[in-house]
Amino acid sequence: MSTLWTQLTWSHLRLLFNLEVDSMNYYIQTIINNHLSVRELEFKIKSNEYERLPKSTKKKLISKDKVEIKDLVPNPILIKNKNNVDLVTEKALHRLILEDIESFMKELGDSFSFIGSEYKIKIGDRNYYIDLLLFNIKYNCYVVVELKVTEFKVEYISQVQKYMNYIDKNIKEIGNNNTIGILICKKENKFVIEYCSDDRIAVREYESV
C-alpha cells in the first residue's frame, strides 16, 4: 500500500483521509487503475460509489478475490435527471440516459464503450430491440442493458438471456468473452431474484438524481 500512496497527489490524499480503511483502499486502487483526477475522485466519493457496491463485491475486494465486471456495477445506479423528468415509461428513462450516455457508462463501471441504442436484432421472422448494447474493453465482452420502470419480474431475466445468447451466437467474435447482461429496474425483488438468478446478469435498481 505504501508504494500506492506515492502515486497520489496531496489533493487526492486530502479527500481520502476521512474515509474508512476499506473504502479508502477501494478509491486508492480506482485512482491508480483509472488515473482519476481530483474532481473525478471527489464525485465518486460524494456519490457513495463504494457504499453502493454489493456486499459480495466488498468481500471480494477485501479478500482480494477475482472481481468480475458485474461485481462492480453499483446498486442503485444513479441516473442524472436535472430537469426532474417524470420517468413513467421506459422510453423516458432511455431518453434520459442517452442525453448523457458517457456519465451513465461511467456509473456502470470502467472501460465501457457505446455500440448502439435500440439495437436491432432478428430472431426468426421477428425483430427485437436491445435498449442499449455496450462493449467493455477491459473485460473484452459485449454488454446487454435492458431498462424497466417497474419492479423486477421473472420474465425480464429470460428476455435479457435471449438477447445475450443472440449476441454470443451472431455478433461476438472468437476472441471475445461471453456477453453479460445488466437489467436495470425501478425496484428489486431479492426473494424472486434468488430463485431465478443468472450469474451472467446483474440486476440493479435505478435512482434519478
N, C-alpha and C. Protein backbone atom coordinates (compact mmCIF):
# COMPACT_ATOMS: atom_id res chain seq x y z
N MET A 1 0.83 -1.21 0.00
CA MET A 1 0.00 0.00 0.00
C MET A 1 0.86 1.26 0.00
N SER A 2 2.04 1.19 0.66
CA SER A 2 2.89 2.38 0.77
C SER A 2 3.34 2.88 -0.59
N THR A 3 3.60 1.94 -1.53
CA THR A 3 4.00 2.36 -2.86
C THR A 3 2.86 3.03 -3.62
N LEU A 4 1.61 2.61 -3.32
CA LEU A 4 0.46 3.24 -3.96
C LEU A 4 0.30 4.68 -3.51
N TRP A 5 0.54 4.92 -2.22
CA TRP A 5 0.39 6.28 -1.69
C TRP A 5 1.27 7.27 -2.44
N THR A 6 2.45 6.82 -2.85
CA THR A 6 3.38 7.72 -3.52
C THR A 6 2.89 8.16 -4.89
N GLN A 7 1.89 7.45 -5.42
CA GLN A 7 1.36 7.79 -6.74
C GLN A 7 0.19 8.79 -6.68
N LEU A 8 -0.16 9.21 -5.45
CA LEU A 8 -1.28 10.12 -5.26
C LEU A 8 -0.79 11.53 -4.99
N THR A 9 -1.57 12.50 -5.41
CA THR A 9 -1.25 13.89 -5.11
C THR A 9 -1.79 14.25 -3.73
N TRP A 10 -1.33 15.38 -3.21
CA TRP A 10 -1.83 15.83 -1.91
C TRP A 10 -3.34 16.09 -1.98
N SER A 11 -3.81 16.57 -3.09
CA SER A 11 -5.25 16.85 -3.24
C SER A 11 -6.06 15.56 -3.18
N HIS A 12 -5.52 14.48 -3.77
CA HIS A 12 -6.17 13.17 -3.66
C HIS A 12 -6.21 12.73 -2.20
N LEU A 13 -5.07 12.85 -1.54
CA LEU A 13 -4.95 12.38 -0.16
C LEU A 13 -5.91 13.12 0.77
N ARG A 14 -6.08 14.40 0.53
CA ARG A 14 -6.97 15.21 1.37
C ARG A 14 -8.40 14.67 1.34
N LEU A 15 -8.83 14.18 0.18
CA LEU A 15 -10.17 13.61 0.07
C LEU A 15 -10.29 12.23 0.71
N LEU A 16 -9.18 11.54 0.80
CA LEU A 16 -9.20 10.15 1.29
C LEU A 16 -9.06 10.02 2.80
N PHE A 17 -8.49 11.02 3.45
CA PHE A 17 -8.10 10.89 4.85
C PHE A 17 -9.25 10.54 5.80
N ASN A 18 -10.44 11.03 5.52
CA ASN A 18 -11.55 10.82 6.45
C ASN A 18 -12.37 9.56 6.17
N LEU A 19 -11.94 8.79 5.19
CA LEU A 19 -12.69 7.59 4.82
C LEU A 19 -12.29 6.40 5.69
N GLU A 20 -13.18 5.42 5.79
CA GLU A 20 -12.85 4.17 6.47
C GLU A 20 -11.84 3.40 5.62
N VAL A 21 -11.13 2.48 6.26
CA VAL A 21 -10.00 1.82 5.61
C VAL A 21 -10.40 1.10 4.32
N ASP A 22 -11.47 0.30 4.36
CA ASP A 22 -11.86 -0.47 3.18
C ASP A 22 -12.27 0.45 2.03
N SER A 23 -13.01 1.50 2.38
CA SER A 23 -13.41 2.48 1.38
C SER A 23 -12.19 3.19 0.80
N MET A 24 -11.29 3.57 1.65
CA MET A 24 -10.07 4.26 1.22
C MET A 24 -9.27 3.38 0.26
N ASN A 25 -9.11 2.13 0.61
CA ASN A 25 -8.34 1.21 -0.25
C ASN A 25 -8.98 1.07 -1.62
N TYR A 26 -10.33 1.02 -1.64
CA TYR A 26 -11.04 0.91 -2.91
C TYR A 26 -10.76 2.12 -3.79
N TYR A 27 -10.87 3.31 -3.22
CA TYR A 27 -10.67 4.53 -4.02
C TYR A 27 -9.22 4.70 -4.44
N ILE A 28 -8.28 4.30 -3.60
CA ILE A 28 -6.87 4.38 -3.98
C ILE A 28 -6.62 3.52 -5.21
N GLN A 29 -7.12 2.28 -5.17
CA GLN A 29 -6.92 1.38 -6.31
C GLN A 29 -7.61 1.92 -7.55
N THR A 30 -8.79 2.53 -7.37
CA THR A 30 -9.52 3.11 -8.50
C THR A 30 -8.76 4.27 -9.11
N ILE A 31 -8.16 5.09 -8.27
CA ILE A 31 -7.35 6.22 -8.76
C ILE A 31 -6.19 5.70 -9.61
N ILE A 32 -5.49 4.70 -9.10
CA ILE A 32 -4.32 4.16 -9.79
C ILE A 32 -4.72 3.50 -11.11
N ASN A 33 -5.78 2.68 -11.06
CA ASN A 33 -6.17 1.92 -12.25
C ASN A 33 -6.72 2.81 -13.35
N ASN A 34 -7.39 3.91 -12.96
CA ASN A 34 -8.11 4.71 -13.95
C ASN A 34 -7.59 6.14 -14.07
N HIS A 35 -6.48 6.42 -13.41
CA HIS A 35 -5.86 7.75 -13.49
C HIS A 35 -6.87 8.86 -13.19
N LEU A 36 -7.58 8.70 -12.09
CA LEU A 36 -8.64 9.65 -11.75
C LEU A 36 -8.07 11.02 -11.39
N SER A 37 -8.73 12.04 -11.89
CA SER A 37 -8.40 13.39 -11.46
C SER A 37 -9.01 13.60 -10.07
N VAL A 38 -8.62 14.68 -9.42
CA VAL A 38 -9.17 15.01 -8.11
C VAL A 38 -10.68 15.23 -8.21
N ARG A 39 -11.11 15.87 -9.26
CA ARG A 39 -12.54 16.12 -9.45
C ARG A 39 -13.32 14.82 -9.63
N GLU A 40 -12.77 13.90 -10.40
CA GLU A 40 -13.43 12.61 -10.62
C GLU A 40 -13.51 11.81 -9.32
N LEU A 41 -12.43 11.85 -8.54
CA LEU A 41 -12.43 11.17 -7.25
C LEU A 41 -13.47 11.77 -6.32
N GLU A 42 -13.54 13.08 -6.29
CA GLU A 42 -14.50 13.76 -5.41
C GLU A 42 -15.92 13.37 -5.77
N PHE A 43 -16.21 13.27 -7.06
CA PHE A 43 -17.55 12.88 -7.50
C PHE A 43 -17.87 11.46 -7.05
N LYS A 44 -16.92 10.54 -7.20
CA LYS A 44 -17.15 9.16 -6.80
C LYS A 44 -17.41 9.05 -5.30
N ILE A 45 -16.67 9.81 -4.52
CA ILE A 45 -16.86 9.77 -3.07
C ILE A 45 -18.21 10.36 -2.69
N LYS A 46 -18.56 11.49 -3.28
CA LYS A 46 -19.83 12.15 -2.96
C LYS A 46 -21.03 11.30 -3.37
N SER A 47 -20.87 10.53 -4.43
CA SER A 47 -21.98 9.68 -4.89
C SER A 47 -22.00 8.32 -4.17
N ASN A 48 -21.10 8.16 -3.18
CA ASN A 48 -21.06 6.92 -2.39
C ASN A 48 -20.87 5.68 -3.26
N GLU A 49 -19.98 5.79 -4.20
CA GLU A 49 -19.78 4.67 -5.13
C GLU A 49 -19.41 3.38 -4.39
N TYR A 50 -18.49 3.45 -3.46
CA TYR A 50 -18.09 2.25 -2.73
C TYR A 50 -19.25 1.69 -1.92
N GLU A 51 -19.97 2.56 -1.24
CA GLU A 51 -21.08 2.12 -0.40
C GLU A 51 -22.18 1.44 -1.22
N ARG A 52 -22.31 1.80 -2.48
CA ARG A 52 -23.35 1.23 -3.34
C ARG A 52 -22.95 -0.09 -3.99
N LEU A 53 -21.73 -0.53 -3.78
CA LEU A 53 -21.33 -1.83 -4.32
C LEU A 53 -22.02 -2.95 -3.53
N PRO A 54 -22.36 -4.05 -4.19
CA PRO A 54 -22.95 -5.18 -3.48
C PRO A 54 -22.04 -5.69 -2.36
N LYS A 55 -22.62 -6.23 -1.30
CA LYS A 55 -21.83 -6.76 -0.18
C LYS A 55 -20.86 -7.84 -0.65
N SER A 56 -21.33 -8.66 -1.59
CA SER A 56 -20.48 -9.74 -2.10
C SER A 56 -19.23 -9.19 -2.77
N THR A 57 -19.38 -8.04 -3.45
CA THR A 57 -18.23 -7.41 -4.11
C THR A 57 -17.25 -6.88 -3.09
N LYS A 58 -17.76 -6.25 -2.04
CA LYS A 58 -16.88 -5.72 -0.99
C LYS A 58 -16.06 -6.83 -0.35
N LYS A 59 -16.69 -7.98 -0.14
CA LYS A 59 -15.97 -9.12 0.44
C LYS A 59 -14.85 -9.57 -0.50
N LYS A 60 -15.14 -9.59 -1.80
CA LYS A 60 -14.13 -9.98 -2.78
C LYS A 60 -12.96 -8.99 -2.77
N LEU A 61 -13.28 -7.71 -2.68
CA LEU A 61 -12.23 -6.69 -2.69
C LEU A 61 -11.35 -6.80 -1.45
N ILE A 62 -11.97 -7.04 -0.30
CA ILE A 62 -11.22 -7.15 0.95
C ILE A 62 -10.31 -8.38 0.93
N SER A 63 -10.84 -9.49 0.43
CA SER A 63 -10.05 -10.73 0.39
C SER A 63 -9.20 -10.84 -0.87
N LYS A 64 -9.31 -9.83 -1.74
CA LYS A 64 -8.53 -9.77 -2.98
C LYS A 64 -8.83 -10.95 -3.92
N ASP A 65 -10.10 -11.35 -3.92
CA ASP A 65 -10.54 -12.38 -4.86
C ASP A 65 -10.75 -11.75 -6.23
N LYS A 66 -10.87 -12.59 -7.24
CA LYS A 66 -11.10 -12.10 -8.59
C LYS A 66 -12.45 -11.42 -8.69
N VAL A 67 -12.49 -10.26 -9.29
CA VAL A 67 -13.72 -9.48 -9.44
C VAL A 67 -14.16 -9.50 -10.89
N GLU A 68 -15.44 -9.80 -11.12
CA GLU A 68 -16.00 -9.82 -12.47
C GLU A 68 -16.61 -8.45 -12.78
N ILE A 69 -16.91 -8.24 -14.05
CA ILE A 69 -17.44 -6.95 -14.49
C ILE A 69 -18.74 -6.60 -13.77
N LYS A 70 -19.63 -7.58 -13.59
CA LYS A 70 -20.92 -7.27 -12.98
C LYS A 70 -20.81 -7.00 -11.48
N ASP A 71 -19.71 -7.44 -10.86
CA ASP A 71 -19.50 -7.17 -9.44
C ASP A 71 -19.37 -5.67 -9.17
N LEU A 72 -18.85 -4.94 -10.14
CA LEU A 72 -18.54 -3.53 -9.93
C LEU A 72 -19.66 -2.58 -10.35
N VAL A 73 -20.78 -3.15 -10.79
CA VAL A 73 -21.94 -2.31 -11.13
C VAL A 73 -22.65 -1.94 -9.82
N PRO A 74 -22.74 -0.66 -9.49
CA PRO A 74 -23.31 -0.27 -8.19
C PRO A 74 -24.82 -0.48 -8.12
N ASN A 75 -25.33 -0.44 -6.91
CA ASN A 75 -26.77 -0.57 -6.68
C ASN A 75 -27.18 0.36 -5.54
N PRO A 76 -28.01 1.38 -5.80
CA PRO A 76 -28.65 1.64 -7.10
C PRO A 76 -27.70 2.34 -8.08
N ILE A 77 -28.07 2.30 -9.35
CA ILE A 77 -27.39 3.06 -10.39
C ILE A 77 -28.00 4.46 -10.40
N LEU A 78 -27.16 5.47 -10.32
CA LEU A 78 -27.64 6.86 -10.29
C LEU A 78 -27.72 7.39 -11.71
N ILE A 79 -28.89 7.90 -12.07
CA ILE A 79 -29.11 8.46 -13.41
C ILE A 79 -29.43 9.94 -13.27
N LYS A 80 -28.64 10.76 -13.93
CA LYS A 80 -28.81 12.20 -13.81
C LYS A 80 -30.15 12.63 -14.40
N ASN A 81 -30.86 13.46 -13.64
CA ASN A 81 -32.19 13.92 -14.05
C ASN A 81 -32.35 15.37 -13.62
N LYS A 82 -31.57 16.25 -14.25
CA LYS A 82 -31.50 17.65 -13.84
C LYS A 82 -32.84 18.37 -13.99
N ASN A 83 -33.63 17.95 -14.97
CA ASN A 83 -34.92 18.63 -15.21
C ASN A 83 -36.10 17.91 -14.57
N ASN A 84 -35.80 16.96 -13.71
CA ASN A 84 -36.85 16.21 -12.99
C ASN A 84 -37.89 15.61 -13.95
N VAL A 85 -37.38 14.96 -14.98
CA VAL A 85 -38.27 14.29 -15.93
C VAL A 85 -39.03 13.16 -15.22
N ASP A 86 -40.31 13.07 -15.49
CA ASP A 86 -41.13 12.02 -14.88
C ASP A 86 -40.87 10.69 -15.60
N LEU A 87 -40.24 9.77 -14.92
CA LEU A 87 -39.82 8.52 -15.56
C LEU A 87 -40.91 7.45 -15.43
N VAL A 88 -41.99 7.68 -16.14
CA VAL A 88 -43.12 6.75 -16.07
C VAL A 88 -43.10 5.73 -17.19
N THR A 89 -42.25 5.94 -18.18
CA THR A 89 -42.15 4.99 -19.30
C THR A 89 -40.69 4.63 -19.52
N GLU A 90 -40.48 3.48 -20.13
CA GLU A 90 -39.11 3.06 -20.44
C GLU A 90 -38.48 3.98 -21.47
N LYS A 91 -39.28 4.52 -22.37
CA LYS A 91 -38.75 5.45 -23.37
C LYS A 91 -38.19 6.71 -22.70
N ALA A 92 -38.89 7.20 -21.67
CA ALA A 92 -38.43 8.39 -20.96
C ALA A 92 -37.11 8.10 -20.25
N LEU A 93 -37.01 6.94 -19.62
CA LEU A 93 -35.76 6.55 -18.95
C LEU A 93 -34.64 6.39 -19.96
N HIS A 94 -34.96 5.76 -21.06
CA HIS A 94 -34.00 5.53 -22.14
C HIS A 94 -33.47 6.87 -22.67
N ARG A 95 -34.38 7.79 -22.94
CA ARG A 95 -34.02 9.09 -23.49
C ARG A 95 -33.13 9.87 -22.51
N LEU A 96 -33.45 9.77 -21.22
CA LEU A 96 -32.68 10.48 -20.20
C LEU A 96 -31.24 9.95 -20.16
N ILE A 97 -31.09 8.65 -20.26
CA ILE A 97 -29.76 8.05 -20.25
C ILE A 97 -28.96 8.47 -21.48
N LEU A 98 -29.61 8.49 -22.64
CA LEU A 98 -28.91 8.85 -23.88
C LEU A 98 -28.46 10.31 -23.88
N GLU A 99 -29.15 11.16 -23.13
CA GLU A 99 -28.77 12.57 -23.06
C GLU A 99 -27.38 12.73 -22.45
N ASP A 100 -26.98 11.80 -21.61
CA ASP A 100 -25.64 11.84 -21.01
C ASP A 100 -25.10 10.42 -20.91
N ILE A 101 -24.95 9.79 -22.06
CA ILE A 101 -24.56 8.39 -22.11
C ILE A 101 -23.18 8.17 -21.51
N GLU A 102 -22.30 9.15 -21.63
CA GLU A 102 -20.95 8.99 -21.09
C GLU A 102 -20.98 8.86 -19.57
N SER A 103 -21.77 9.71 -18.91
CA SER A 103 -21.88 9.64 -17.45
C SER A 103 -22.51 8.32 -17.02
N PHE A 104 -23.49 7.87 -17.79
CA PHE A 104 -24.16 6.60 -17.48
C PHE A 104 -23.17 5.44 -17.56
N MET A 105 -22.34 5.41 -18.58
CA MET A 105 -21.37 4.33 -18.72
C MET A 105 -20.34 4.37 -17.60
N LYS A 106 -19.94 5.56 -17.18
CA LYS A 106 -19.01 5.68 -16.05
C LYS A 106 -19.67 5.19 -14.77
N GLU A 107 -20.97 5.42 -14.65
CA GLU A 107 -21.70 4.96 -13.47
C GLU A 107 -21.72 3.44 -13.41
N LEU A 108 -21.80 2.78 -14.56
CA LEU A 108 -21.80 1.32 -14.60
C LEU A 108 -20.46 0.73 -14.20
N GLY A 109 -19.39 1.47 -14.44
CA GLY A 109 -18.06 0.96 -14.14
C GLY A 109 -17.04 1.52 -15.11
N ASP A 110 -15.95 0.81 -15.29
CA ASP A 110 -14.86 1.32 -16.11
C ASP A 110 -14.80 0.63 -17.47
N SER A 111 -14.28 1.35 -18.44
CA SER A 111 -13.92 0.81 -19.76
C SER A 111 -15.10 0.44 -20.63
N PHE A 112 -16.26 1.06 -20.41
CA PHE A 112 -17.40 0.80 -21.28
C PHE A 112 -17.35 1.69 -22.52
N SER A 113 -17.76 1.14 -23.63
CA SER A 113 -17.92 1.93 -24.85
C SER A 113 -19.31 1.66 -25.43
N PHE A 114 -19.82 2.63 -26.15
CA PHE A 114 -21.19 2.60 -26.66
C PHE A 114 -21.24 1.96 -28.04
N ILE A 115 -22.11 0.96 -28.20
CA ILE A 115 -22.29 0.31 -29.51
C ILE A 115 -23.58 0.79 -30.18
N GLY A 116 -24.70 0.76 -29.45
CA GLY A 116 -25.94 1.19 -30.08
C GLY A 116 -27.09 1.29 -29.10
N SER A 117 -28.08 2.09 -29.51
CA SER A 117 -29.32 2.24 -28.75
C SER A 117 -30.46 1.63 -29.56
N GLU A 118 -31.38 0.93 -28.87
CA GLU A 118 -32.43 0.18 -29.55
C GLU A 118 -31.81 -0.64 -30.69
N TYR A 119 -30.80 -1.40 -30.31
CA TYR A 119 -30.01 -2.18 -31.26
C TYR A 119 -30.87 -3.31 -31.83
N LYS A 120 -31.05 -3.28 -33.14
CA LYS A 120 -31.99 -4.20 -33.80
C LYS A 120 -31.37 -5.57 -34.02
N ILE A 121 -32.10 -6.60 -33.60
CA ILE A 121 -31.71 -7.97 -33.90
C ILE A 121 -32.93 -8.70 -34.45
N LYS A 122 -32.69 -9.77 -35.17
CA LYS A 122 -33.81 -10.52 -35.75
C LYS A 122 -33.71 -11.99 -35.34
N ILE A 123 -34.74 -12.47 -34.69
CA ILE A 123 -34.81 -13.86 -34.27
C ILE A 123 -36.00 -14.48 -34.97
N GLY A 124 -35.73 -15.44 -35.84
CA GLY A 124 -36.79 -15.99 -36.67
C GLY A 124 -37.29 -14.92 -37.62
N ASP A 125 -38.60 -14.69 -37.64
CA ASP A 125 -39.14 -13.65 -38.52
C ASP A 125 -39.57 -12.41 -37.74
N ARG A 126 -39.04 -12.27 -36.53
CA ARG A 126 -39.45 -11.15 -35.68
C ARG A 126 -38.25 -10.29 -35.28
N ASN A 127 -38.45 -8.98 -35.31
CA ASN A 127 -37.41 -8.04 -34.90
C ASN A 127 -37.54 -7.73 -33.40
N TYR A 128 -36.39 -7.61 -32.74
CA TYR A 128 -36.32 -7.21 -31.34
C TYR A 128 -35.34 -6.05 -31.24
N TYR A 129 -35.46 -5.28 -30.16
CA TYR A 129 -34.61 -4.11 -30.00
C TYR A 129 -34.00 -4.10 -28.59
N ILE A 130 -32.67 -4.23 -28.54
CA ILE A 130 -31.95 -4.19 -27.27
C ILE A 130 -31.85 -2.72 -26.84
N ASP A 131 -32.27 -2.40 -25.63
CA ASP A 131 -32.28 -1.00 -25.19
C ASP A 131 -30.92 -0.35 -25.40
N LEU A 132 -29.88 -0.96 -24.85
CA LEU A 132 -28.52 -0.44 -25.03
C LEU A 132 -27.56 -1.61 -25.21
N LEU A 133 -26.72 -1.52 -26.21
CA LEU A 133 -25.66 -2.50 -26.39
C LEU A 133 -24.33 -1.79 -26.19
N LEU A 134 -23.56 -2.27 -25.22
CA LEU A 134 -22.26 -1.68 -24.90
C LEU A 134 -21.18 -2.73 -25.10
N PHE A 135 -19.94 -2.28 -25.02
CA PHE A 135 -18.80 -3.20 -25.03
C PHE A 135 -17.85 -2.76 -23.94
N ASN A 136 -17.36 -3.73 -23.16
CA ASN A 136 -16.38 -3.39 -22.13
C ASN A 136 -15.00 -3.82 -22.61
N ILE A 137 -14.13 -2.84 -22.77
CA ILE A 137 -12.81 -3.08 -23.34
C ILE A 137 -11.94 -3.89 -22.38
N LYS A 138 -12.00 -3.55 -21.10
CA LYS A 138 -11.16 -4.24 -20.11
C LYS A 138 -11.49 -5.72 -20.02
N TYR A 139 -12.80 -6.03 -20.02
CA TYR A 139 -13.22 -7.43 -19.88
C TYR A 139 -13.51 -8.09 -21.22
N ASN A 140 -13.35 -7.33 -22.31
CA ASN A 140 -13.44 -7.87 -23.67
C ASN A 140 -14.76 -8.60 -23.92
N CYS A 141 -15.86 -7.92 -23.62
CA CYS A 141 -17.16 -8.58 -23.83
C CYS A 141 -18.23 -7.55 -24.14
N TYR A 142 -19.26 -8.01 -24.86
CA TYR A 142 -20.45 -7.19 -25.09
C TYR A 142 -21.30 -7.18 -23.83
N VAL A 143 -22.06 -6.10 -23.68
CA VAL A 143 -22.91 -5.94 -22.51
C VAL A 143 -24.30 -5.51 -22.97
N VAL A 144 -25.29 -6.34 -22.69
CA VAL A 144 -26.68 -6.03 -23.00
C VAL A 144 -27.29 -5.32 -21.80
N VAL A 145 -27.87 -4.14 -22.03
CA VAL A 145 -28.52 -3.39 -20.96
C VAL A 145 -30.00 -3.24 -21.28
N GLU A 146 -30.85 -3.71 -20.37
CA GLU A 146 -32.29 -3.57 -20.53
C GLU A 146 -32.85 -2.70 -19.41
N LEU A 147 -33.79 -1.83 -19.77
CA LEU A 147 -34.35 -0.84 -18.85
C LEU A 147 -35.81 -1.14 -18.57
N LYS A 148 -36.19 -1.10 -17.29
CA LYS A 148 -37.57 -1.33 -16.89
C LYS A 148 -37.96 -0.28 -15.83
N VAL A 149 -39.15 0.28 -15.95
CA VAL A 149 -39.59 1.29 -14.99
C VAL A 149 -40.54 0.69 -13.95
N THR A 150 -40.56 -0.63 -13.88
CA THR A 150 -41.40 -1.33 -12.90
C THR A 150 -40.53 -2.18 -11.99
N GLU A 151 -41.14 -2.80 -11.00
CA GLU A 151 -40.44 -3.73 -10.14
C GLU A 151 -40.01 -4.94 -10.95
N PHE A 152 -38.92 -5.56 -10.52
CA PHE A 152 -38.37 -6.74 -11.19
C PHE A 152 -39.43 -7.84 -11.38
N LYS A 153 -39.43 -8.42 -12.57
CA LYS A 153 -40.31 -9.56 -12.86
C LYS A 153 -39.47 -10.68 -13.44
N VAL A 154 -39.90 -11.91 -13.19
CA VAL A 154 -39.15 -13.08 -13.62
C VAL A 154 -38.89 -13.07 -15.13
N GLU A 155 -39.88 -12.67 -15.89
CA GLU A 155 -39.75 -12.72 -17.35
C GLU A 155 -38.67 -11.78 -17.89
N TYR A 156 -38.28 -10.79 -17.09
CA TYR A 156 -37.22 -9.88 -17.53
C TYR A 156 -35.90 -10.62 -17.72
N ILE A 157 -35.64 -11.60 -16.85
CA ILE A 157 -34.40 -12.36 -16.95
C ILE A 157 -34.35 -13.13 -18.27
N SER A 158 -35.44 -13.78 -18.64
CA SER A 158 -35.45 -14.57 -19.88
C SER A 158 -35.29 -13.66 -21.10
N GLN A 159 -35.82 -12.46 -21.03
CA GLN A 159 -35.66 -11.51 -22.13
C GLN A 159 -34.18 -11.15 -22.32
N VAL A 160 -33.51 -10.82 -21.22
CA VAL A 160 -32.09 -10.47 -21.29
C VAL A 160 -31.26 -11.67 -21.75
N GLN A 161 -31.60 -12.86 -21.25
CA GLN A 161 -30.90 -14.08 -21.67
C GLN A 161 -31.00 -14.29 -23.18
N LYS A 162 -32.18 -14.06 -23.71
CA LYS A 162 -32.40 -14.24 -25.15
C LYS A 162 -31.49 -13.30 -25.94
N TYR A 163 -31.43 -12.05 -25.52
CA TYR A 163 -30.59 -11.07 -26.22
C TYR A 163 -29.10 -11.42 -26.09
N MET A 164 -28.69 -11.84 -24.90
CA MET A 164 -27.29 -12.21 -24.67
C MET A 164 -26.91 -13.40 -25.55
N ASN A 165 -27.77 -14.39 -25.61
CA ASN A 165 -27.49 -15.57 -26.42
C ASN A 165 -27.38 -15.22 -27.90
N TYR A 166 -28.23 -14.28 -28.34
CA TYR A 166 -28.17 -13.84 -29.74
C TYR A 166 -26.81 -13.18 -30.02
N ILE A 167 -26.40 -12.28 -29.15
CA ILE A 167 -25.13 -11.58 -29.34
C ILE A 167 -23.98 -12.58 -29.36
N ASP A 168 -24.01 -13.56 -28.44
CA ASP A 168 -22.94 -14.56 -28.39
C ASP A 168 -22.87 -15.37 -29.68
N LYS A 169 -24.02 -15.68 -30.24
CA LYS A 169 -24.06 -16.53 -31.43
C LYS A 169 -23.81 -15.77 -32.72
N ASN A 170 -24.23 -14.52 -32.78
CA ASN A 170 -24.23 -13.81 -34.06
C ASN A 170 -23.32 -12.58 -34.15
N ILE A 171 -22.93 -12.01 -33.02
CA ILE A 171 -22.18 -10.75 -33.05
C ILE A 171 -20.76 -10.90 -32.52
N LYS A 172 -20.61 -11.53 -31.38
CA LYS A 172 -19.29 -11.60 -30.76
C LYS A 172 -18.33 -12.42 -31.61
N GLU A 173 -17.06 -12.04 -31.54
CA GLU A 173 -16.02 -12.75 -32.28
C GLU A 173 -15.36 -13.79 -31.38
N ILE A 174 -14.57 -14.67 -31.99
CA ILE A 174 -13.95 -15.78 -31.26
C ILE A 174 -13.13 -15.29 -30.07
N GLY A 175 -12.46 -14.16 -30.24
CA GLY A 175 -11.59 -13.65 -29.18
C GLY A 175 -12.31 -12.95 -28.05
N ASN A 176 -13.62 -12.69 -28.22
CA ASN A 176 -14.38 -12.01 -27.17
C ASN A 176 -14.84 -12.98 -26.09
N ASN A 177 -14.95 -12.48 -24.87
CA ASN A 177 -15.54 -13.27 -23.80
C ASN A 177 -17.06 -13.26 -23.95
N ASN A 178 -17.73 -14.14 -23.24
CA ASN A 178 -19.18 -14.24 -23.34
C ASN A 178 -19.87 -12.95 -22.89
N THR A 179 -20.97 -12.67 -23.54
CA THR A 179 -21.76 -11.48 -23.25
C THR A 179 -22.34 -11.54 -21.84
N ILE A 180 -22.41 -10.37 -21.19
CA ILE A 180 -23.09 -10.29 -19.91
C ILE A 180 -24.30 -9.36 -20.05
N GLY A 181 -25.16 -9.37 -19.05
CA GLY A 181 -26.35 -8.52 -19.08
C GLY A 181 -26.47 -7.68 -17.83
N ILE A 182 -27.03 -6.50 -17.99
CA ILE A 182 -27.36 -5.63 -16.86
C ILE A 182 -28.83 -5.27 -16.99
N LEU A 183 -29.62 -5.70 -16.04
CA LEU A 183 -31.05 -5.41 -16.02
C LEU A 183 -31.30 -4.32 -14.99
N ILE A 184 -31.77 -3.17 -15.45
CA ILE A 184 -31.99 -2.02 -14.57
C ILE A 184 -33.48 -1.82 -14.40
N CYS A 185 -33.97 -1.90 -13.17
CA CYS A 185 -35.41 -1.77 -12.93
C CYS A 185 -35.67 -0.81 -11.77
N LYS A 186 -36.92 -0.46 -11.61
CA LYS A 186 -37.30 0.51 -10.59
C LYS A 186 -37.06 -0.04 -9.19
N LYS A 187 -37.33 -1.31 -9.02
CA LYS A 187 -37.20 -1.90 -7.69
C LYS A 187 -36.85 -3.37 -7.81
N GLU A 188 -35.91 -3.81 -6.98
CA GLU A 188 -35.56 -5.22 -6.95
C GLU A 188 -36.64 -6.03 -6.25
N ASN A 189 -36.60 -7.31 -6.44
CA ASN A 189 -37.35 -8.24 -5.61
C ASN A 189 -36.37 -9.36 -5.28
N LYS A 190 -35.62 -9.18 -4.21
CA LYS A 190 -34.49 -10.06 -3.91
C LYS A 190 -34.92 -11.51 -3.72
N PHE A 191 -36.13 -11.70 -3.22
CA PHE A 191 -36.60 -13.06 -2.98
C PHE A 191 -36.83 -13.79 -4.30
N VAL A 192 -37.36 -13.07 -5.30
CA VAL A 192 -37.59 -13.67 -6.61
C VAL A 192 -36.26 -13.86 -7.33
N ILE A 193 -35.40 -12.84 -7.27
CA ILE A 193 -34.11 -12.91 -7.95
C ILE A 193 -33.30 -14.11 -7.48
N GLU A 194 -33.40 -14.41 -6.19
CA GLU A 194 -32.64 -15.52 -5.61
C GLU A 194 -32.93 -16.83 -6.31
N TYR A 195 -34.16 -17.01 -6.80
CA TYR A 195 -34.56 -18.29 -7.38
C TYR A 195 -34.55 -18.31 -8.91
N CYS A 196 -34.27 -17.18 -9.51
CA CYS A 196 -34.22 -17.17 -10.98
C CYS A 196 -32.99 -16.42 -11.47
N SER A 197 -31.96 -16.40 -10.63
CA SER A 197 -30.77 -15.63 -10.97
C SER A 197 -29.97 -16.31 -12.08
N ASP A 198 -29.19 -15.52 -12.77
CA ASP A 198 -28.27 -15.99 -13.80
C ASP A 198 -26.95 -15.28 -13.51
N ASP A 199 -25.88 -16.04 -13.33
CA ASP A 199 -24.60 -15.45 -12.96
C ASP A 199 -24.08 -14.45 -13.97
N ARG A 200 -24.61 -14.49 -15.18
CA ARG A 200 -24.15 -13.57 -16.22
C ARG A 200 -24.88 -12.24 -16.18
N ILE A 201 -25.92 -12.14 -15.35
CA ILE A 201 -26.78 -10.95 -15.35
C ILE A 201 -26.75 -10.24 -14.01
N ALA A 202 -26.49 -8.94 -14.04
CA ALA A 202 -26.56 -8.11 -12.84
C ALA A 202 -27.90 -7.40 -12.83
N VAL A 203 -28.67 -7.59 -11.77
CA VAL A 203 -29.95 -6.90 -11.62
C VAL A 203 -29.74 -5.73 -10.66
N ARG A 204 -30.06 -4.53 -11.11
CA ARG A 204 -29.83 -3.34 -10.30
C ARG A 204 -31.04 -2.41 -10.34
N GLU A 205 -31.25 -1.69 -9.25
CA GLU A 205 -32.25 -0.64 -9.22
C GLU A 205 -31.64 0.64 -9.81
N TYR A 206 -32.50 1.56 -10.21
CA TYR A 206 -32.02 2.87 -10.62
C TYR A 206 -32.62 3.94 -9.71
N GLU A 207 -31.91 5.04 -9.63
CA GLU A 207 -32.40 6.18 -8.83
C GLU A 207 -32.04 7.44 -9.61
N SER A 208 -33.01 8.28 -9.87
CA SER A 208 -32.74 9.53 -10.60
C SER A 208 -32.30 10.59 -9.63
N VAL A 209 -31.27 11.33 -10.02
CA VAL A 209 -30.71 12.36 -9.13
C VAL A 209 -30.53 13.66 -9.87
